[in-house]
Amino acid sequence: MWVVANWSMVWPVLVTALAAAALGGAGRALLRAHRQAVGRDRAWRAQEEARARELSMAQVDALTWQEFETYVAELCRRDGCTEVVVSGKSGDLGADVVGYLADGRKLVIQCKKYAAHRSVPSQDMQKFVGTARLEHGADVALFVTTGHSFTRGALGLALRQDIVALHRDLLGSWVKGAHLESLIPLNGSGGGTKRRPAT
């Protein structure tokens, strides 16, 4: 009875409450839709980046092993490395590419041009571990492959011996423009402590 008698005062409050509830519900729905759209966009971008890496890697896959070593050297130069040299021969004791990072650390790279489905075995990593620092004086030792991964034994050895292990996906990121310095910390600390003496 009171509501009917005071309807002129009640209806504006009632309309305001209903409008606020409707706006709140619409806001929550919009926020949920926005989050879903952002999630779909992120997933799409990740798929596109992976597809772009694979397109670039198809060109890398077409290289010979000698051309692959030269290409890795070009990536190093692109990222500011200096005095980059490609061995280009067998018997190089694991140093396919040698150079210096922009901060003066010596970089020694072992390149393995493998089929995309292959994994780098522990034996390959053992050979590189045995020569990268002792034979070549590497501050940063980088093992890069076109293969899809490293075996558990190879990766464990790389982590224990501070070898940066770049498998196909990380190589694809490098090819697509990721800077070498941003890739070094991703697998093994790979930091190196020595700096090239000032001349």
N, C-alpha and C. Protein backbone atom coordinates (compact mmCIF):
# COMPACT_ATOMS: atom_id res chain seq x y z
N MET A 1 0.83 -1.18 0.00
CA MET A 1 0.00 0.00 0.00
C MET A 1 0.88 1.25 0.00
N TRP A 2 1.94 1.18 0.84
CA TRP A 2 2.82 2.36 0.93
C TRP A 2 3.47 2.63 -0.41
N VAL A 3 3.88 1.54 -1.13
CA VAL A 3 4.54 1.69 -2.43
C VAL A 3 3.60 2.37 -3.40
N VAL A 4 2.32 1.92 -3.41
CA VAL A 4 1.34 2.50 -4.32
C VAL A 4 1.11 3.97 -3.96
N ALA A 5 0.99 4.23 -2.67
CA ALA A 5 0.73 5.60 -2.23
C ALA A 5 1.90 6.52 -2.51
N ASN A 6 3.12 5.98 -2.50
CA ASN A 6 4.32 6.81 -2.70
C ASN A 6 5.01 6.49 -4.02
N TRP A 7 4.27 6.05 -4.99
CA TRP A 7 4.84 5.61 -6.27
C TRP A 7 5.70 6.69 -6.92
N SER A 8 5.32 7.93 -6.79
CA SER A 8 6.09 9.01 -7.42
C SER A 8 7.51 9.09 -6.86
N MET A 9 7.69 8.66 -5.62
CA MET A 9 9.04 8.64 -5.04
C MET A 9 9.74 7.31 -5.30
N VAL A 10 8.98 6.24 -5.40
CA VAL A 10 9.57 4.91 -5.52
C VAL A 10 10.06 4.62 -6.93
N TRP A 11 9.29 5.02 -7.96
CA TRP A 11 9.65 4.58 -9.31
C TRP A 11 11.00 5.10 -9.78
N PRO A 12 11.44 6.34 -9.44
CA PRO A 12 12.79 6.74 -9.89
C PRO A 12 13.89 5.88 -9.26
N VAL A 13 13.73 5.51 -7.98
CA VAL A 13 14.71 4.66 -7.31
C VAL A 13 14.73 3.28 -7.95
N LEU A 14 13.54 2.75 -8.21
CA LEU A 14 13.42 1.43 -8.83
C LEU A 14 14.04 1.41 -10.22
N VAL A 15 13.76 2.42 -11.01
CA VAL A 15 14.33 2.52 -12.37
C VAL A 15 15.85 2.63 -12.30
N THR A 16 16.35 3.44 -11.36
CA THR A 16 17.80 3.61 -11.21
C THR A 16 18.47 2.30 -10.83
N ALA A 17 17.86 1.55 -9.89
CA ALA A 17 18.42 0.27 -9.45
C ALA A 17 18.43 -0.74 -10.61
N LEU A 18 17.32 -0.78 -11.34
CA LEU A 18 17.27 -1.70 -12.49
C LEU A 18 18.29 -1.32 -13.56
N ALA A 19 18.43 -0.02 -13.81
CA ALA A 19 19.41 0.45 -14.81
C ALA A 19 20.84 0.10 -14.37
N ALA A 20 21.12 0.29 -13.06
CA ALA A 20 22.46 -0.03 -12.54
C ALA A 20 22.73 -1.52 -12.68
N ALA A 21 21.73 -2.35 -12.37
CA ALA A 21 21.91 -3.80 -12.49
C ALA A 21 22.15 -4.20 -13.95
N ALA A 22 21.37 -3.58 -14.84
CA ALA A 22 21.53 -3.88 -16.26
C ALA A 22 22.91 -3.45 -16.77
N LEU A 23 23.33 -2.26 -16.36
CA LEU A 23 24.65 -1.77 -16.77
C LEU A 23 25.76 -2.64 -16.21
N GLY A 24 25.59 -3.05 -14.94
CA GLY A 24 26.60 -3.93 -14.33
C GLY A 24 26.71 -5.25 -15.07
N GLY A 25 25.55 -5.83 -15.39
CA GLY A 25 25.56 -7.09 -16.15
C GLY A 25 26.17 -6.92 -17.53
N ALA A 26 25.81 -5.82 -18.20
CA ALA A 26 26.37 -5.56 -19.53
C ALA A 26 27.87 -5.34 -19.44
N GLY A 27 28.31 -4.63 -18.37
CA GLY A 27 29.74 -4.39 -18.19
C GLY A 27 30.51 -5.69 -17.99
N ARG A 28 29.95 -6.58 -17.16
CA ARG A 28 30.61 -7.87 -16.94
C ARG A 28 30.66 -8.69 -18.23
N ALA A 29 29.57 -8.65 -18.98
CA ALA A 29 29.54 -9.38 -20.25
C ALA A 29 30.56 -8.82 -21.23
N LEU A 30 30.65 -7.48 -21.28
CA LEU A 30 31.64 -6.86 -22.17
C LEU A 30 33.06 -7.20 -21.75
N LEU A 31 33.32 -7.17 -20.45
CA LEU A 31 34.66 -7.50 -19.94
C LEU A 31 35.02 -8.94 -20.26
N ARG A 32 34.07 -9.85 -20.07
CA ARG A 32 34.30 -11.25 -20.39
C ARG A 32 34.57 -11.43 -21.88
N ALA A 33 33.77 -10.75 -22.72
CA ALA A 33 33.96 -10.83 -24.17
C ALA A 33 35.31 -10.25 -24.57
N HIS A 34 35.71 -9.16 -23.91
CA HIS A 34 37.01 -8.54 -24.20
C HIS A 34 38.14 -9.50 -23.85
N ARG A 35 38.06 -10.13 -22.69
CA ARG A 35 39.11 -11.07 -22.28
C ARG A 35 39.20 -12.25 -23.24
N GLN A 36 38.06 -12.75 -23.67
CA GLN A 36 38.06 -13.86 -24.62
C GLN A 36 38.68 -13.44 -25.95
N ALA A 37 38.33 -12.21 -26.40
CA ALA A 37 38.89 -11.71 -27.66
C ALA A 37 40.40 -11.54 -27.56
N VAL A 38 40.87 -11.01 -26.42
CA VAL A 38 42.31 -10.85 -26.22
C VAL A 38 43.00 -12.21 -26.20
N GLY A 39 42.38 -13.18 -25.53
CA GLY A 39 42.94 -14.54 -25.50
C GLY A 39 43.03 -15.15 -26.88
N ARG A 40 41.95 -14.99 -27.66
CA ARG A 40 41.97 -15.52 -29.04
C ARG A 40 43.03 -14.82 -29.88
N ASP A 41 43.17 -13.49 -29.68
CA ASP A 41 44.17 -12.73 -30.43
C ASP A 41 45.58 -13.20 -30.08
N ARG A 42 45.84 -13.41 -28.80
CA ARG A 42 47.17 -13.88 -28.38
C ARG A 42 47.47 -15.24 -28.99
N ALA A 43 46.48 -16.14 -28.94
CA ALA A 43 46.68 -17.48 -29.51
C ALA A 43 46.93 -17.39 -31.01
N TRP A 44 46.19 -16.53 -31.68
CA TRP A 44 46.37 -16.35 -33.13
C TRP A 44 47.77 -15.82 -33.43
N ARG A 45 48.19 -14.81 -32.65
CA ARG A 45 49.53 -14.24 -32.87
C ARG A 45 50.62 -15.28 -32.64
N ALA A 46 50.46 -16.11 -31.61
CA ALA A 46 51.44 -17.16 -31.34
C ALA A 46 51.50 -18.15 -32.49
N GLN A 47 50.33 -18.50 -33.03
CA GLN A 47 50.29 -19.41 -34.17
C GLN A 47 50.95 -18.79 -35.39
N GLU A 48 50.67 -17.51 -35.63
CA GLU A 48 51.26 -16.82 -36.78
C GLU A 48 52.78 -16.71 -36.64
N GLU A 49 53.25 -16.43 -35.42
CA GLU A 49 54.69 -16.35 -35.21
C GLU A 49 55.34 -17.71 -35.45
N ALA A 50 54.69 -18.77 -34.97
CA ALA A 50 55.23 -20.11 -35.18
C ALA A 50 55.25 -20.44 -36.67
N ARG A 51 54.16 -20.06 -37.38
CA ARG A 51 54.10 -20.31 -38.82
C ARG A 51 55.18 -19.53 -39.56
N ALA A 52 55.40 -18.27 -39.16
CA ALA A 52 56.43 -17.44 -39.79
C ALA A 52 57.81 -18.02 -39.55
N ARG A 53 58.05 -18.52 -38.31
CA ARG A 53 59.34 -19.14 -38.02
C ARG A 53 59.55 -20.34 -38.91
N GLU A 54 58.51 -21.15 -39.07
CA GLU A 54 58.66 -22.35 -39.90
C GLU A 54 58.88 -21.99 -41.36
N LEU A 55 58.23 -20.93 -41.86
CA LEU A 55 58.48 -20.50 -43.24
C LEU A 55 59.93 -20.09 -43.40
N SER A 56 60.44 -19.34 -42.43
CA SER A 56 61.84 -18.94 -42.48
C SER A 56 62.74 -20.15 -42.36
N MET A 57 62.37 -21.08 -41.49
CA MET A 57 63.19 -22.27 -41.30
C MET A 57 63.19 -23.16 -42.53
N ALA A 58 62.14 -23.09 -43.34
CA ALA A 58 62.13 -23.86 -44.58
C ALA A 58 63.27 -23.40 -45.48
N GLN A 59 63.53 -22.10 -45.48
CA GLN A 59 64.66 -21.58 -46.27
C GLN A 59 65.99 -22.01 -45.66
N VAL A 60 66.06 -22.02 -44.34
CA VAL A 60 67.28 -22.48 -43.67
C VAL A 60 67.50 -23.96 -43.96
N ASP A 61 66.42 -24.74 -43.94
CA ASP A 61 66.53 -26.17 -44.21
C ASP A 61 67.09 -26.46 -45.60
N ALA A 62 66.87 -25.54 -46.51
CA ALA A 62 67.35 -25.74 -47.89
C ALA A 62 68.85 -25.49 -48.03
N LEU A 63 69.48 -24.91 -47.01
CA LEU A 63 70.92 -24.62 -47.08
C LEU A 63 71.74 -25.90 -46.91
N THR A 64 72.93 -25.91 -47.49
CA THR A 64 73.88 -26.98 -47.19
C THR A 64 74.47 -26.71 -45.80
N TRP A 65 75.21 -27.66 -45.25
CA TRP A 65 75.78 -27.43 -43.93
C TRP A 65 76.80 -26.30 -43.96
N GLN A 66 77.53 -26.16 -45.08
CA GLN A 66 78.49 -25.06 -45.20
C GLN A 66 77.76 -23.71 -45.25
N GLU A 67 76.68 -23.67 -46.03
CA GLU A 67 75.89 -22.45 -46.12
C GLU A 67 75.24 -22.11 -44.78
N PHE A 68 74.84 -23.14 -44.04
CA PHE A 68 74.24 -22.93 -42.73
C PHE A 68 75.23 -22.26 -41.77
N GLU A 69 76.47 -22.73 -41.77
CA GLU A 69 77.49 -22.11 -40.93
C GLU A 69 77.70 -20.65 -41.31
N THR A 70 77.75 -20.38 -42.60
CA THR A 70 77.91 -19.00 -43.07
C THR A 70 76.71 -18.15 -42.66
N TYR A 71 75.53 -18.73 -42.74
CA TYR A 71 74.31 -18.01 -42.36
C TYR A 71 74.31 -17.68 -40.87
N VAL A 72 74.73 -18.62 -40.03
CA VAL A 72 74.80 -18.37 -38.59
C VAL A 72 75.80 -17.24 -38.33
N ALA A 73 76.91 -17.24 -39.05
CA ALA A 73 77.89 -16.15 -38.90
C ALA A 73 77.26 -14.81 -39.28
N GLU A 74 76.43 -14.80 -40.32
CA GLU A 74 75.75 -13.56 -40.73
C GLU A 74 74.78 -13.08 -39.65
N LEU A 75 74.09 -14.02 -38.99
CA LEU A 75 73.20 -13.65 -37.89
C LEU A 75 74.00 -13.01 -36.75
N CYS A 76 75.18 -13.56 -36.49
CA CYS A 76 76.04 -12.99 -35.43
C CYS A 76 76.44 -11.56 -35.80
N ARG A 77 76.84 -11.35 -37.04
CA ARG A 77 77.24 -10.00 -37.48
C ARG A 77 76.06 -9.04 -37.40
N ARG A 78 74.89 -9.52 -37.80
CA ARG A 78 73.68 -8.69 -37.73
C ARG A 78 73.44 -8.19 -36.31
N ASP A 79 73.77 -9.04 -35.32
CA ASP A 79 73.52 -8.70 -33.93
C ASP A 79 74.72 -8.04 -33.25
N GLY A 80 75.66 -7.54 -34.04
CA GLY A 80 76.74 -6.74 -33.48
C GLY A 80 78.01 -7.47 -33.11
N CYS A 81 78.11 -8.74 -33.44
CA CYS A 81 79.35 -9.47 -33.16
C CYS A 81 80.45 -9.00 -34.10
N THR A 82 81.67 -9.06 -33.63
CA THR A 82 82.81 -8.61 -34.44
C THR A 82 83.79 -9.76 -34.65
N GLU A 83 84.67 -9.57 -35.64
CA GLU A 83 85.72 -10.54 -35.96
C GLU A 83 85.15 -11.95 -36.12
N VAL A 84 84.01 -12.05 -36.77
CA VAL A 84 83.33 -13.33 -36.94
C VAL A 84 84.00 -14.11 -38.07
N VAL A 85 84.41 -15.34 -37.75
CA VAL A 85 85.11 -16.19 -38.71
C VAL A 85 84.38 -17.52 -38.79
N VAL A 86 84.23 -18.04 -40.02
CA VAL A 86 83.64 -19.35 -40.25
C VAL A 86 84.76 -20.33 -40.57
N SER A 87 84.80 -21.44 -39.84
CA SER A 87 85.84 -22.44 -40.09
C SER A 87 85.64 -23.09 -41.45
N GLY A 88 84.42 -23.60 -41.66
CA GLY A 88 84.09 -24.19 -42.95
C GLY A 88 84.86 -25.43 -43.32
N LYS A 89 85.39 -26.14 -42.32
CA LYS A 89 86.11 -27.38 -42.65
C LYS A 89 85.93 -28.38 -41.53
N SER A 90 86.20 -29.64 -41.84
CA SER A 90 86.17 -30.67 -40.81
C SER A 90 87.45 -30.54 -39.98
N GLY A 91 87.44 -31.12 -38.80
CA GLY A 91 88.60 -31.02 -37.94
C GLY A 91 88.72 -29.68 -37.25
N ASP A 92 87.61 -28.93 -37.17
CA ASP A 92 87.67 -27.61 -36.53
C ASP A 92 87.50 -27.70 -35.01
N LEU A 93 87.41 -28.94 -34.50
CA LEU A 93 87.26 -29.18 -33.06
C LEU A 93 86.05 -28.45 -32.48
N GLY A 94 84.97 -28.46 -33.21
CA GLY A 94 83.71 -27.94 -32.70
C GLY A 94 83.52 -26.45 -32.85
N ALA A 95 84.50 -25.75 -33.40
CA ALA A 95 84.36 -24.29 -33.55
C ALA A 95 84.03 -23.98 -35.00
N ASP A 96 82.75 -24.06 -35.35
CA ASP A 96 82.34 -23.77 -36.71
C ASP A 96 82.33 -22.28 -36.98
N VAL A 97 81.93 -21.51 -35.97
CA VAL A 97 81.91 -20.04 -36.07
C VAL A 97 82.53 -19.48 -34.79
N VAL A 98 83.44 -18.52 -34.95
CA VAL A 98 84.07 -17.87 -33.80
C VAL A 98 83.98 -16.37 -34.00
N GLY A 99 83.71 -15.66 -32.92
CA GLY A 99 83.66 -14.20 -32.99
C GLY A 99 83.62 -13.62 -31.60
N TYR A 100 83.28 -12.35 -31.51
CA TYR A 100 83.20 -11.66 -30.22
C TYR A 100 81.88 -10.92 -30.12
N LEU A 101 81.23 -11.07 -28.97
CA LEU A 101 80.02 -10.31 -28.72
C LEU A 101 80.37 -8.83 -28.57
N ALA A 102 79.36 -7.99 -28.61
CA ALA A 102 79.60 -6.55 -28.56
C ALA A 102 80.34 -6.13 -27.30
N ASP A 103 80.16 -6.89 -26.21
CA ASP A 103 80.83 -6.52 -24.95
C ASP A 103 82.21 -7.15 -24.83
N GLY A 104 82.67 -7.83 -25.89
CA GLY A 104 84.03 -8.36 -25.89
C GLY A 104 84.17 -9.82 -25.52
N ARG A 105 83.09 -10.48 -25.09
CA ARG A 105 83.20 -11.90 -24.76
C ARG A 105 83.40 -12.73 -26.02
N LYS A 106 84.25 -13.74 -25.91
CA LYS A 106 84.51 -14.61 -27.07
C LYS A 106 83.37 -15.61 -27.22
N LEU A 107 82.86 -15.70 -28.44
CA LEU A 107 81.73 -16.57 -28.79
C LEU A 107 82.23 -17.70 -29.68
N VAL A 108 81.96 -18.93 -29.27
CA VAL A 108 82.31 -20.11 -30.08
C VAL A 108 81.02 -20.88 -30.35
N ILE A 109 80.78 -21.16 -31.63
CA ILE A 109 79.51 -21.79 -32.02
C ILE A 109 79.76 -23.11 -32.74
N GLN A 110 79.04 -24.12 -32.32
CA GLN A 110 78.97 -25.40 -33.02
C GLN A 110 77.65 -25.42 -33.78
N CYS A 111 77.69 -25.64 -35.08
CA CYS A 111 76.48 -25.69 -35.92
C CYS A 111 76.21 -27.13 -36.33
N LYS A 112 75.01 -27.60 -36.14
CA LYS A 112 74.62 -28.93 -36.61
C LYS A 112 73.39 -28.80 -37.50
N LYS A 113 73.58 -29.06 -38.76
CA LYS A 113 72.50 -28.99 -39.76
C LYS A 113 71.84 -30.36 -39.81
N TYR A 114 70.80 -30.53 -39.00
CA TYR A 114 70.09 -31.79 -38.91
C TYR A 114 68.70 -31.65 -39.52
N ALA A 115 68.11 -32.79 -39.86
CA ALA A 115 66.72 -32.80 -40.31
C ALA A 115 65.83 -32.29 -39.18
N ALA A 116 64.72 -31.69 -39.55
CA ALA A 116 63.85 -31.03 -38.57
C ALA A 116 63.37 -31.98 -37.48
N HIS A 117 63.23 -33.27 -37.77
CA HIS A 117 62.69 -34.21 -36.78
C HIS A 117 63.76 -34.76 -35.84
N ARG A 118 65.03 -34.51 -36.14
CA ARG A 118 66.11 -35.10 -35.35
C ARG A 118 66.39 -34.36 -34.06
N SER A 119 66.95 -35.10 -33.10
CA SER A 119 67.43 -34.51 -31.84
C SER A 119 68.95 -34.61 -31.81
N VAL A 120 69.57 -33.64 -31.17
CA VAL A 120 71.02 -33.67 -31.00
C VAL A 120 71.34 -34.65 -29.88
N PRO A 121 72.17 -35.66 -30.15
CA PRO A 121 72.48 -36.65 -29.12
C PRO A 121 73.54 -36.14 -28.14
N SER A 122 73.64 -36.84 -27.03
CA SER A 122 74.59 -36.47 -25.99
C SER A 122 76.03 -36.49 -26.49
N GLN A 123 76.36 -37.42 -27.39
CA GLN A 123 77.74 -37.53 -27.89
C GLN A 123 78.18 -36.24 -28.58
N ASP A 124 77.29 -35.63 -29.35
CA ASP A 124 77.63 -34.37 -30.03
C ASP A 124 77.91 -33.27 -29.01
N MET A 125 77.08 -33.22 -27.98
CA MET A 125 77.27 -32.20 -26.94
C MET A 125 78.57 -32.45 -26.17
N GLN A 126 78.87 -33.72 -25.90
CA GLN A 126 80.11 -34.06 -25.18
C GLN A 126 81.34 -33.55 -25.93
N LYS A 127 81.35 -33.75 -27.23
CA LYS A 127 82.50 -33.30 -28.04
C LYS A 127 82.66 -31.79 -27.94
N PHE A 128 81.55 -31.08 -28.03
CA PHE A 128 81.62 -29.62 -27.99
C PHE A 128 82.04 -29.13 -26.60
N VAL A 129 81.51 -29.76 -25.56
CA VAL A 129 81.88 -29.39 -24.20
C VAL A 129 83.39 -29.55 -24.01
N GLY A 130 83.95 -30.61 -24.59
CA GLY A 130 85.37 -30.89 -24.42
C GLY A 130 86.30 -29.91 -25.10
N THR A 131 85.79 -29.14 -26.07
CA THR A 131 86.67 -28.25 -26.83
C THR A 131 86.32 -26.76 -26.72
N ALA A 132 85.07 -26.45 -26.46
CA ALA A 132 84.62 -25.05 -26.55
C ALA A 132 85.45 -24.11 -25.69
N ARG A 133 85.66 -24.48 -24.45
CA ARG A 133 86.42 -23.59 -23.56
C ARG A 133 87.89 -23.98 -23.47
N LEU A 134 88.17 -25.28 -23.31
CA LEU A 134 89.56 -25.71 -23.16
C LEU A 134 90.38 -25.46 -24.42
N GLU A 135 89.81 -25.76 -25.57
CA GLU A 135 90.56 -25.63 -26.82
C GLU A 135 90.43 -24.23 -27.44
N HIS A 136 89.24 -23.64 -27.33
CA HIS A 136 88.97 -22.39 -28.04
C HIS A 136 88.82 -21.17 -27.13
N GLY A 137 88.80 -21.38 -25.84
CA GLY A 137 88.71 -20.25 -24.90
C GLY A 137 87.41 -19.49 -24.95
N ALA A 138 86.30 -20.21 -25.15
CA ALA A 138 85.00 -19.55 -25.26
C ALA A 138 84.56 -18.96 -23.93
N ASP A 139 84.05 -17.73 -23.98
CA ASP A 139 83.32 -17.16 -22.85
C ASP A 139 81.85 -17.56 -22.95
N VAL A 140 81.35 -17.57 -24.18
CA VAL A 140 79.99 -18.00 -24.45
C VAL A 140 80.08 -19.11 -25.50
N ALA A 141 79.61 -20.30 -25.14
CA ALA A 141 79.63 -21.45 -26.04
C ALA A 141 78.19 -21.73 -26.48
N LEU A 142 77.97 -21.72 -27.78
CA LEU A 142 76.62 -21.83 -28.33
C LEU A 142 76.54 -23.02 -29.27
N PHE A 143 75.60 -23.92 -29.00
CA PHE A 143 75.36 -25.08 -29.87
C PHE A 143 74.03 -24.84 -30.56
N VAL A 144 74.06 -24.64 -31.87
CA VAL A 144 72.84 -24.32 -32.61
C VAL A 144 72.54 -25.42 -33.62
N THR A 145 71.28 -25.82 -33.68
CA THR A 145 70.89 -26.90 -34.58
C THR A 145 69.56 -26.61 -35.27
N THR A 146 69.39 -27.17 -36.46
CA THR A 146 68.10 -27.12 -37.14
C THR A 146 67.19 -28.25 -36.68
N GLY A 147 67.73 -29.16 -35.87
CA GLY A 147 66.92 -30.24 -35.31
C GLY A 147 65.92 -29.71 -34.30
N HIS A 148 64.88 -30.50 -34.03
CA HIS A 148 63.79 -29.99 -33.20
C HIS A 148 64.13 -29.92 -31.72
N SER A 149 65.15 -30.65 -31.26
CA SER A 149 65.45 -30.64 -29.83
C SER A 149 66.81 -31.24 -29.55
N PHE A 150 67.15 -31.24 -28.27
CA PHE A 150 68.32 -31.95 -27.76
C PHE A 150 67.80 -33.10 -26.91
N THR A 151 68.50 -34.22 -26.92
CA THR A 151 68.09 -35.31 -26.05
C THR A 151 68.23 -34.85 -24.59
N ARG A 152 67.60 -35.58 -23.69
CA ARG A 152 67.67 -35.21 -22.28
C ARG A 152 69.12 -35.19 -21.80
N GLY A 153 69.91 -36.19 -22.24
CA GLY A 153 71.31 -36.24 -21.84
C GLY A 153 72.09 -35.05 -22.37
N ALA A 154 71.84 -34.69 -23.64
CA ALA A 154 72.55 -33.56 -24.24
C ALA A 154 72.18 -32.25 -23.57
N LEU A 155 70.90 -32.07 -23.28
CA LEU A 155 70.45 -30.83 -22.65
C LEU A 155 70.95 -30.73 -21.21
N GLY A 156 70.93 -31.85 -20.50
CA GLY A 156 71.44 -31.85 -19.12
C GLY A 156 72.92 -31.48 -19.09
N LEU A 157 73.69 -32.02 -20.02
CA LEU A 157 75.11 -31.70 -20.11
C LEU A 157 75.31 -30.22 -20.45
N ALA A 158 74.50 -29.71 -21.37
CA ALA A 158 74.59 -28.30 -21.74
C ALA A 158 74.34 -27.40 -20.54
N LEU A 159 73.31 -27.73 -19.75
CA LEU A 159 73.00 -26.92 -18.57
C LEU A 159 74.12 -26.99 -17.54
N ARG A 160 74.66 -28.19 -17.31
CA ARG A 160 75.73 -28.32 -16.32
C ARG A 160 77.01 -27.63 -16.75
N GLN A 161 77.27 -27.63 -18.05
CA GLN A 161 78.53 -27.09 -18.55
C GLN A 161 78.38 -25.67 -19.12
N ASP A 162 77.25 -25.07 -18.89
CA ASP A 162 77.03 -23.67 -19.31
C ASP A 162 77.15 -23.49 -20.82
N ILE A 163 76.54 -24.42 -21.56
CA ILE A 163 76.49 -24.34 -23.02
C ILE A 163 75.09 -23.83 -23.39
N VAL A 164 75.02 -22.84 -24.26
CA VAL A 164 73.72 -22.35 -24.72
C VAL A 164 73.25 -23.28 -25.84
N ALA A 165 72.13 -23.95 -25.62
CA ALA A 165 71.61 -24.93 -26.59
C ALA A 165 70.42 -24.34 -27.33
N LEU A 166 70.61 -24.01 -28.60
CA LEU A 166 69.55 -23.42 -29.42
C LEU A 166 68.98 -24.48 -30.37
N HIS A 167 67.79 -24.97 -30.05
CA HIS A 167 67.12 -25.93 -30.93
C HIS A 167 66.34 -25.17 -32.00
N ARG A 168 65.58 -25.90 -32.77
CA ARG A 168 64.92 -25.35 -33.95
C ARG A 168 64.03 -24.13 -33.65
N ASP A 169 63.24 -24.19 -32.58
CA ASP A 169 62.34 -23.08 -32.28
C ASP A 169 63.10 -21.82 -31.92
N LEU A 170 64.15 -21.97 -31.09
CA LEU A 170 64.94 -20.80 -30.72
C LEU A 170 65.72 -20.27 -31.92
N LEU A 171 66.22 -21.17 -32.75
CA LEU A 171 66.88 -20.74 -33.98
C LEU A 171 65.90 -19.98 -34.86
N GLY A 172 64.66 -20.47 -34.94
CA GLY A 172 63.63 -19.79 -35.72
C GLY A 172 63.39 -18.38 -35.22
N SER A 173 63.40 -18.20 -33.90
CA SER A 173 63.24 -16.86 -33.33
C SER A 173 64.43 -15.98 -33.70
N TRP A 174 65.62 -16.54 -33.68
CA TRP A 174 66.82 -15.79 -34.06
C TRP A 174 66.73 -15.37 -35.51
N VAL A 175 66.34 -16.31 -36.35
CA VAL A 175 66.19 -16.03 -37.79
C VAL A 175 65.18 -14.91 -38.02
N LYS A 176 64.10 -14.90 -37.21
CA LYS A 176 63.03 -13.91 -37.40
C LYS A 176 63.35 -12.56 -36.76
N GLY A 177 64.54 -12.42 -36.16
CA GLY A 177 64.94 -11.10 -35.68
C GLY A 177 65.22 -10.98 -34.20
N ALA A 178 64.98 -12.04 -33.41
CA ALA A 178 65.35 -11.97 -31.99
C ALA A 178 66.86 -11.76 -31.90
N HIS A 179 67.29 -10.92 -30.98
CA HIS A 179 68.71 -10.60 -30.83
C HIS A 179 69.41 -11.73 -30.09
N LEU A 180 70.63 -12.04 -30.54
CA LEU A 180 71.39 -13.12 -29.92
C LEU A 180 71.50 -12.94 -28.42
N GLU A 181 71.73 -11.72 -27.96
CA GLU A 181 71.89 -11.47 -26.52
C GLU A 181 70.63 -11.86 -25.74
N SER A 182 69.46 -11.78 -26.38
CA SER A 182 68.22 -12.15 -25.70
C SER A 182 68.04 -13.66 -25.67
N LEU A 183 68.72 -14.39 -26.55
CA LEU A 183 68.59 -15.85 -26.59
C LEU A 183 69.60 -16.54 -25.68
N ILE A 184 70.73 -15.91 -25.43
CA ILE A 184 71.79 -16.54 -24.64
C ILE A 184 71.30 -17.02 -23.27
N PRO A 185 70.50 -16.24 -22.54
CA PRO A 185 70.09 -16.71 -21.20
C PRO A 185 69.02 -17.80 -21.21
N LEU A 186 68.47 -18.13 -22.35
CA LEU A 186 67.29 -19.01 -22.36
C LEU A 186 67.60 -20.47 -22.09
N ASN A 187 68.83 -20.89 -22.31
CA ASN A 187 69.14 -22.30 -22.13
C ASN A 187 70.54 -22.45 -21.58
N GLY A 188 70.67 -22.73 -20.31
CA GLY A 188 71.97 -22.65 -19.67
C GLY A 188 72.20 -21.17 -19.41
N SER A 189 72.99 -20.82 -18.44
CA SER A 189 73.18 -19.39 -18.19
C SER A 189 73.96 -18.75 -19.31
N GLY A 190 74.95 -19.44 -19.84
CA GLY A 190 75.64 -18.98 -21.05
C GLY A 190 76.22 -17.60 -20.95
N GLY A 191 76.31 -17.04 -19.76
CA GLY A 191 76.72 -15.65 -19.66
C GLY A 191 78.17 -15.40 -19.95
N GLY A 192 79.03 -16.32 -19.55
CA GLY A 192 80.46 -16.06 -19.70
C GLY A 192 80.89 -14.98 -18.73
N THR A 193 82.05 -15.12 -18.19
CA THR A 193 82.49 -14.12 -17.21
C THR A 193 83.64 -13.28 -17.72
N LYS A 194 84.39 -13.82 -18.64
CA LYS A 194 85.56 -13.08 -19.10
C LYS A 194 85.18 -12.07 -20.16
N ARG A 195 85.91 -10.99 -20.20
CA ARG A 195 85.75 -10.00 -21.25
C ARG A 195 87.05 -9.90 -22.00
N ARG A 196 86.94 -9.54 -23.24
CA ARG A 196 88.13 -9.40 -24.06
C ARG A 196 88.98 -8.26 -23.51
N PRO A 197 90.29 -8.47 -23.38
CA PRO A 197 91.13 -7.40 -22.87
C PRO A 197 91.09 -6.18 -23.77
N ALA A 198 91.10 -5.01 -23.17
CA ALA A 198 91.12 -3.78 -23.95
C ALA A 198 92.47 -3.65 -24.67
N THR A 199 92.43 -3.21 -25.92
CA THR A 199 93.66 -3.05 -26.68
C THR A 199 93.97 -1.59 -26.89
